[in-house]
Amino acid sequence: MTPAVAPTTIHPVPPSWPLAAYRLCRFEESHLYSEAEEYGMSALNMDPADPWALHAVVHCHEMTSRVNEGKRLLNEMRVRRAAASPS
């Protein structure tokens, strides 16, 4: 397996959702899971309904043997979405 190569810029977390989501995918595909998780959580804080950011963060949890943490995040987001949905 080829070692991961870090993208040229890691910090700071970008202030806009599209850039955070883009960097999240770059880090995840480079197997830089802690950086990907940081950007993913930033993207989720900007847009809690973003399914790609949620998927990527949970994937980071899976790839770093933190499956239960990923399950907790999925449940938390499910509850948040249900609370935000009009009845």
C-alpha atoms as a PDB file:
ATOM      1  CA  MET A   1       0.000   0.000   0.000  1.00  0.00           C
ATOM      2  CA  THR A   2       1.288   3.447  -0.879  1.00  0.00           C
ATOM      3  CA  PRO A   3       1.679   5.802   2.110  1.00  0.00           C
ATOM      4  CA  ALA A   4      -0.832   8.637   2.341  1.00  0.00           C
ATOM      5  CA  VAL A   5       0.351  12.018   1.132  1.00  0.00           C
ATOM      6  CA  ALA A   6      -1.031  14.983   3.021  1.00  0.00           C
ATOM      7  CA  PRO A   7      -2.712  17.720   1.002  1.00  0.00           C
ATOM      8  CA  THR A   8      -0.717  20.943   1.067  1.00  0.00           C
ATOM      9  CA  THR A   9      -2.959  22.867   3.475  1.00  0.00           C
ATOM     10  CA  ILE A  10      -4.498  21.333   6.568  1.00  0.00           C
ATOM     11  CA  HIS A  11      -5.432  24.253   8.846  1.00  0.00           C
ATOM     12  CA  PRO A  12      -7.425  26.323   9.552  1.00  0.00           C
ATOM     13  CA  VAL A  13     -10.810  24.710   9.023  1.00  0.00           C
ATOM     14  CA  PRO A  14     -12.384  26.667   6.177  1.00  0.00           C
ATOM     15  CA  PRO A  15     -15.317  28.962   7.001  1.00  0.00           C
ATOM     16  CA  SER A  16     -17.517  27.760   4.141  1.00  0.00           C
ATOM     17  CA  TRP A  17     -19.373  24.485   3.804  1.00  0.00           C
ATOM     18  CA  PRO A  18     -18.350  23.615   0.213  1.00  0.00           C
ATOM     19  CA  LEU A  19     -14.660  24.007   0.981  1.00  0.00           C
ATOM     20  CA  ALA A  20     -14.949  21.989   4.205  1.00  0.00           C
ATOM     21  CA  ALA A  21     -16.778  19.201   2.374  1.00  0.00           C
ATOM     22  CA  TYR A  22     -14.221  19.212  -0.446  1.00  0.00           C
ATOM     23  CA  ARG A  23     -11.275  18.976   1.940  1.00  0.00           C
ATOM     24  CA  LEU A  24     -13.062  16.324   3.957  1.00  0.00           C
ATOM     25  CA  CYS A  25     -13.228  14.078   0.895  1.00  0.00           C
ATOM     26  CA  ARG A  26      -9.583  14.728   0.018  1.00  0.00           C
ATOM     27  CA  PHE A  27      -8.436  13.748   3.498  1.00  0.00           C
ATOM     28  CA  GLU A  28     -10.666  10.702   3.695  1.00  0.00           C
ATOM     29  CA  GLU A  29      -9.492   9.384   0.329  1.00  0.00           C
ATOM     30  CA  SER A  30      -5.894   9.979   1.439  1.00  0.00           C
ATOM     31  CA  HIS A  31      -6.519   7.886   4.580  1.00  0.00           C
ATOM     32  CA  LEU A  32      -5.979  10.948   6.788  1.00  0.00           C
ATOM     33  CA  TYR A  33      -8.952  10.150   8.970  1.00  0.00           C
ATOM     34  CA  SER A  34      -8.393  12.559  11.869  1.00  0.00           C
ATOM     35  CA  GLU A  35      -8.136  15.514   9.469  1.00  0.00           C
ATOM     36  CA  ALA A  36     -11.150  14.252   7.525  1.00  0.00           C
ATOM     37  CA  GLU A  37     -13.168  13.946  10.714  1.00  0.00           C
ATOM     38  CA  GLU A  38     -12.244  17.498  11.723  1.00  0.00           C
ATOM     39  CA  TYR A  39     -13.453  18.917   8.413  1.00  0.00           C
ATOM     40  CA  GLY A  40     -16.497  16.636   8.408  1.00  0.00           C
ATOM     41  CA  MET A  41     -17.621  17.829  11.810  1.00  0.00           C
ATOM     42  CA  SER A  42     -17.050  21.405  10.662  1.00  0.00           C
ATOM     43  CA  ALA A  43     -19.233  20.758   7.610  1.00  0.00           C
ATOM     44  CA  LEU A  44     -21.915  19.136   9.802  1.00  0.00           C
ATOM     45  CA  ASN A  45     -21.881  22.128  12.141  1.00  0.00           C
ATOM     46  CA  MET A  46     -22.480  24.385   9.140  1.00  0.00           C
ATOM     47  CA  ASP A  47     -25.134  22.097   7.632  1.00  0.00           C
ATOM     48  CA  PRO A  48     -26.414  19.316   9.911  1.00  0.00           C
ATOM     49  CA  ALA A  49     -28.501  17.907   7.043  1.00  0.00           C
ATOM     50  CA  ASP A  50     -25.446  17.248   4.837  1.00  0.00           C
ATOM     51  CA  PRO A  51     -25.580  13.499   4.129  1.00  0.00           C
ATOM     52  CA  TRP A  52     -22.116  13.411   2.520  1.00  0.00           C
ATOM     53  CA  ALA A  53     -20.403  14.921   5.535  1.00  0.00           C
ATOM     54  CA  LEU A  54     -22.255  12.549   7.855  1.00  0.00           C
ATOM     55  CA  HIS A  55     -21.347   9.568   5.683  1.00  0.00           C
ATOM     56  CA  ALA A  56     -17.684  10.552   5.562  1.00  0.00           C
ATOM     57  CA  VAL A  57     -17.379  11.162   9.311  1.00  0.00           C
ATOM     58  CA  VAL A  58     -19.030   7.828  10.105  1.00  0.00           C
ATOM     59  CA  HIS A  59     -16.700   6.194   7.577  1.00  0.00           C
ATOM     60  CA  CYS A  60     -13.737   7.744   9.428  1.00  0.00           C
ATOM     61  CA  HIS A  61     -15.070   6.214  12.638  1.00  0.00           C
ATOM     62  CA  GLU A  62     -15.381   2.836  10.934  1.00  0.00           C
ATOM     63  CA  MET A  63     -11.886   2.960   9.461  1.00  0.00           C
ATOM     64  CA  THR A  64     -10.363   3.855  12.837  1.00  0.00           C
ATOM     65  CA  SER A  65     -12.192   1.071  14.720  1.00  0.00           C
ATOM     66  CA  ARG A  66     -14.651   3.450  16.408  1.00  0.00           C
ATOM     67  CA  VAL A  67     -17.858   1.903  15.084  1.00  0.00           C
ATOM     68  CA  ASN A  68     -19.859   2.653  18.241  1.00  0.00           C
ATOM     69  CA  GLU A  69     -18.905   6.324  17.997  1.00  0.00           C
ATOM     70  CA  GLY A  70     -20.173   6.323  14.412  1.00  0.00           C
ATOM     71  CA  LYS A  71     -23.433   4.705  15.510  1.00  0.00           C
ATOM     72  CA  ARG A  72     -23.872   7.350  18.214  1.00  0.00           C
ATOM     73  CA  LEU A  73     -23.332  10.124  15.664  1.00  0.00           C
ATOM     74  CA  LEU A  74     -25.856   8.569  13.264  1.00  0.00           C
ATOM     75  CA  ASN A  75     -28.439   8.326  16.045  1.00  0.00           C
ATOM     76  CA  GLU A  76     -27.722  11.875  17.220  1.00  0.00           C
ATOM     77  CA  MET A  77     -28.184  13.236  13.694  1.00  0.00           C
ATOM     78  CA  ARG A  78     -31.379  11.200  13.239  1.00  0.00           C
ATOM     79  CA  VAL A  79     -32.811  12.715  16.430  1.00  0.00           C
ATOM     80  CA  ARG A  80     -31.735  16.246  15.382  1.00  0.00           C
ATOM     81  CA  ARG A  81     -33.390  15.853  11.969  1.00  0.00           C
ATOM     82  CA  ALA A  82     -36.591  14.491  13.505  1.00  0.00           C
ATOM     83  CA  ALA A  83     -36.721  17.421  15.943  1.00  0.00           C
ATOM     84  CA  ALA A  84     -36.167  19.912  13.105  1.00  0.00           C
ATOM     85  CA  SER A  85     -38.813  18.396  10.827  1.00  0.00           C
ATOM     86  CA  PRO A  86     -42.261  19.978  10.859  1.00  0.00           C
ATOM     87  CA  SER A  87     -44.883  17.710  12.375  1.00  0.00           C
END
